[in-house]
Each structure stands twice: as structure tokens, then as C-alpha cells.
Amino acid sequence: MNTTGNSNRDLREQVSFSQKYVIWLLRILLPPYVHNEEAADFLRTEIGQNDGAIEWVAVRPDGLSDESEVTEYAVHPSPIRSTIFDAGLTSRMNVGDFMA
């Protein structure tokens, strides 16, 4: 599982200047944020998308919520809303279901 603000560099996702600024601050203030970006970049550049032995995906859920059961959910290759200024909620149960 990765972080919602991490962009998919293969898709060159577009983000606003204000979101870029907040992400820059997160990189400085929260070292785990940078580690999440580096982990995704390692998988993307060193393992690649067509490795015969390793399958991977960087799951970037919005704010996490606690629910008691899996509900219907949608998966998108890129964020469909601002990950910083308009983040939605994703249940931990749905994230776990998707990853499994």
C-alpha cells in the first residue's frame, strides 16, 4: 500500500501547483512519505511491469475509514479528484479485499 499523494510517473499525472507545494512540504516534514515514493519508484524502474516472478501494484487509497464489511468499490489508474484538497474515504476492508 502506498500513499494517495504519490503520482504514477509512468502516466505523468497532472496535479495543481498548490498540490505540488503541499507534497513538497510532506517530503520535507514526513520521511515516511519519501520512502513510499521511493518504494513505488523501485518497483516501477527495477522490477518493471512484466516481471515473470513478481506481480505488484501501488495501491493509493484516499483517507482510510473503518467499516465492518467489504462494500462495492471502483479502481482507477489515476486519482479522479485532488488527493490533497478533495480526498475521499476508502475503507480498510475494501483496500484489503482489493489487495488480496
C-alpha atoms as a PDB file:
ATOM      1  CA  MET A   1       0.000   0.000   0.000  1.00  0.00           C
ATOM      2  CA  ASN A   2       1.345   3.398  -0.944  1.00  0.00           C
ATOM      3  CA  THR A   3       0.244   6.950  -0.249  1.00  0.00           C
ATOM      4  CA  THR A   4      -2.560   8.779  -2.010  1.00  0.00           C
ATOM      5  CA  GLY A   5      -0.343  11.737  -2.957  1.00  0.00           C
ATOM      6  CA  ASN A   6       2.247   9.630  -4.770  1.00  0.00           C
ATOM      7  CA  SER A   7       1.862  10.118  -8.505  1.00  0.00           C
ATOM      8  CA  ASN A   8       2.235   7.388 -11.102  1.00  0.00           C
ATOM      9  CA  ARG A   9       5.242   8.648 -13.042  1.00  0.00           C
ATOM     10  CA  ASP A  10       4.527   6.294 -15.952  1.00  0.00           C
ATOM     11  CA  LEU A  11       1.243   8.137 -16.567  1.00  0.00           C
ATOM     12  CA  ARG A  12       2.567  11.655 -15.946  1.00  0.00           C
ATOM     13  CA  GLU A  13      -0.417  12.564 -13.808  1.00  0.00           C
ATOM     14  CA  GLN A  14      -1.227  16.273 -13.715  1.00  0.00           C
ATOM     15  CA  VAL A  15      -1.556  17.976 -10.336  1.00  0.00           C
ATOM     16  CA  SER A  16      -2.109  21.614  -9.407  1.00  0.00           C
ATOM     17  CA  PHE A  17       0.714  23.885  -8.277  1.00  0.00           C
ATOM     18  CA  SER A  18      -0.783  24.094  -4.776  1.00  0.00           C
ATOM     19  CA  GLN A  19      -0.882  20.305  -4.502  1.00  0.00           C
ATOM     20  CA  LYS A  20       2.735  20.080  -5.705  1.00  0.00           C
ATOM     21  CA  TYR A  21       3.684  22.564  -2.991  1.00  0.00           C
ATOM     22  CA  VAL A  22       1.953  20.577  -0.239  1.00  0.00           C
ATOM     23  CA  ILE A  23       3.581  17.361  -1.453  1.00  0.00           C
ATOM     24  CA  TRP A  24       6.965  19.125  -1.418  1.00  0.00           C
ATOM     25  CA  LEU A  25       6.307  20.072   2.229  1.00  0.00           C
ATOM     26  CA  LEU A  26       5.298  16.487   3.048  1.00  0.00           C
ATOM     27  CA  ARG A  27       8.568  15.225   1.585  1.00  0.00           C
ATOM     28  CA  ILE A  28      10.499  17.544   3.892  1.00  0.00           C
ATOM     29  CA  LEU A  29       8.424  17.062   7.053  1.00  0.00           C
ATOM     30  CA  LEU A  30       7.473  13.364   6.846  1.00  0.00           C
ATOM     31  CA  PRO A  31      10.326  10.997   5.903  1.00  0.00           C
ATOM     32  CA  PRO A  32       7.919   8.023   5.504  1.00  0.00           C
ATOM     33  CA  TYR A  33       6.281   9.902   2.634  1.00  0.00           C
ATOM     34  CA  VAL A  34       9.545   9.891   0.682  1.00  0.00           C
ATOM     35  CA  HIS A  35      10.044   6.194   1.489  1.00  0.00           C
ATOM     36  CA  ASN A  36       6.652   5.405  -0.059  1.00  0.00           C
ATOM     37  CA  GLU A  37       7.621   7.273  -3.227  1.00  0.00           C
ATOM     38  CA  GLU A  38      10.994   5.536  -3.374  1.00  0.00           C
ATOM     39  CA  ALA A  39       9.416   2.093  -2.890  1.00  0.00           C
ATOM     40  CA  ALA A  40       6.996   2.668  -5.765  1.00  0.00           C
ATOM     41  CA  ASP A  41       9.805   4.007  -7.977  1.00  0.00           C
ATOM     42  CA  PHE A  42      11.961   0.965  -7.197  1.00  0.00           C
ATOM     43  CA  LEU A  43       9.176  -1.398  -8.229  1.00  0.00           C
ATOM     44  CA  ARG A  44       8.433   0.657 -11.327  1.00  0.00           C
ATOM     45  CA  THR A  45      12.029   1.049 -12.537  1.00  0.00           C
ATOM     46  CA  GLU A  46      13.885  -2.002 -11.173  1.00  0.00           C
ATOM     47  CA  ILE A  47      11.213  -4.734 -11.230  1.00  0.00           C
ATOM     48  CA  GLY A  48       9.051  -3.348 -14.005  1.00  0.00           C
ATOM     49  CA  GLN A  49       5.564  -4.271 -15.047  1.00  0.00           C
ATOM     50  CA  ASN A  50       6.353  -7.509 -16.862  1.00  0.00           C
ATOM     51  CA  ASP A  51       8.484  -9.461 -14.392  1.00  0.00           C
ATOM     52  CA  GLY A  52       7.813 -13.190 -14.632  1.00  0.00           C
ATOM     53  CA  ALA A  53       8.101 -13.824 -10.896  1.00  0.00           C
ATOM     54  CA  ILE A  54       6.907 -10.673  -9.157  1.00  0.00           C
ATOM     55  CA  GLU A  55       3.469  -9.119  -9.505  1.00  0.00           C
ATOM     56  CA  TRP A  56       2.979  -5.785  -7.777  1.00  0.00           C
ATOM     57  CA  VAL A  57       0.660  -2.815  -7.621  1.00  0.00           C
ATOM     58  CA  ALA A  58       0.930   0.513  -5.790  1.00  0.00           C
ATOM     59  CA  VAL A  59      -2.433   0.936  -4.089  1.00  0.00           C
ATOM     60  CA  ARG A  60      -3.065   4.620  -3.324  1.00  0.00           C
ATOM     61  CA  PRO A  61      -6.257   4.837  -1.265  1.00  0.00           C
ATOM     62  CA  ASP A  62      -7.772   8.079  -0.033  1.00  0.00           C
ATOM     63  CA  GLY A  63      -8.277   8.656   3.681  1.00  0.00           C
ATOM     64  CA  LEU A  64      -8.868   5.329   5.400  1.00  0.00           C
ATOM     65  CA  SER A  65     -12.026   4.533   7.348  1.00  0.00           C
ATOM     66  CA  ASP A  66     -13.107   1.568   9.451  1.00  0.00           C
ATOM     67  CA  GLU A  67     -16.013  -0.484   8.123  1.00  0.00           C
ATOM     68  CA  SER A  68     -17.255  -3.884   9.225  1.00  0.00           C
ATOM     69  CA  GLU A  69     -17.626  -5.410   5.753  1.00  0.00           C
ATOM     70  CA  VAL A  70     -16.481  -5.064   2.164  1.00  0.00           C
ATOM     71  CA  THR A  71     -18.656  -2.782   0.038  1.00  0.00           C
ATOM     72  CA  GLU A  72     -18.726  -2.051  -3.671  1.00  0.00           C
ATOM     73  CA  TYR A  73     -15.677  -0.072  -4.812  1.00  0.00           C
ATOM     74  CA  ALA A  74     -14.087   1.229  -8.000  1.00  0.00           C
ATOM     75  CA  VAL A  75     -10.429   1.085  -9.028  1.00  0.00           C
ATOM     76  CA  HIS A  76      -8.846   3.832 -11.163  1.00  0.00           C
ATOM     77  CA  PRO A  77      -5.310   4.008 -12.618  1.00  0.00           C
ATOM     78  CA  SER A  78      -5.071   7.677 -11.569  1.00  0.00           C
ATOM     79  CA  PRO A  79      -6.769   9.829  -8.956  1.00  0.00           C
ATOM     80  CA  ILE A  80     -10.147  11.169 -10.046  1.00  0.00           C
ATOM     81  CA  ARG A  81     -10.064  14.034  -7.532  1.00  0.00           C
ATOM     82  CA  SER A  82      -7.433  16.095  -5.732  1.00  0.00           C
ATOM     83  CA  THR A  83      -5.571  13.778  -3.383  1.00  0.00           C
ATOM     84  CA  ILE A  84      -4.686  16.658  -1.073  1.00  0.00           C
ATOM     85  CA  PHE A  85      -7.594  19.113  -1.219  1.00  0.00           C
ATOM     86  CA  ASP A  86     -10.553  16.843  -2.061  1.00  0.00           C
ATOM     87  CA  ALA A  87      -9.595  13.394  -0.807  1.00  0.00           C
ATOM     88  CA  GLY A  88     -12.368  10.888  -0.338  1.00  0.00           C
ATOM     89  CA  LEU A  89     -12.682   7.982   2.078  1.00  0.00           C
ATOM     90  CA  THR A  90     -11.764   4.374   1.437  1.00  0.00           C
ATOM     91  CA  SER A  91     -12.464   1.605   3.900  1.00  0.00           C
ATOM     92  CA  ARG A  92      -9.590  -0.536   5.119  1.00  0.00           C
ATOM     93  CA  MET A  93     -11.762  -3.573   4.403  1.00  0.00           C
ATOM     94  CA  ASN A  94     -12.060  -2.600   0.727  1.00  0.00           C
ATOM     95  CA  VAL A  95      -8.319  -1.948   0.433  1.00  0.00           C
ATOM     96  CA  GLY A  96      -7.560  -5.349   1.969  1.00  0.00           C
ATOM     97  CA  ASP A  97     -10.103  -7.040  -0.305  1.00  0.00           C
ATOM     98  CA  PHE A  98      -8.571  -5.413  -3.387  1.00  0.00           C
ATOM     99  CA  MET A  99      -5.021  -6.303  -2.371  1.00  0.00           C
ATOM    100  CA  ALA A 100      -5.955  -9.920  -1.663  1.00  0.00           C
END
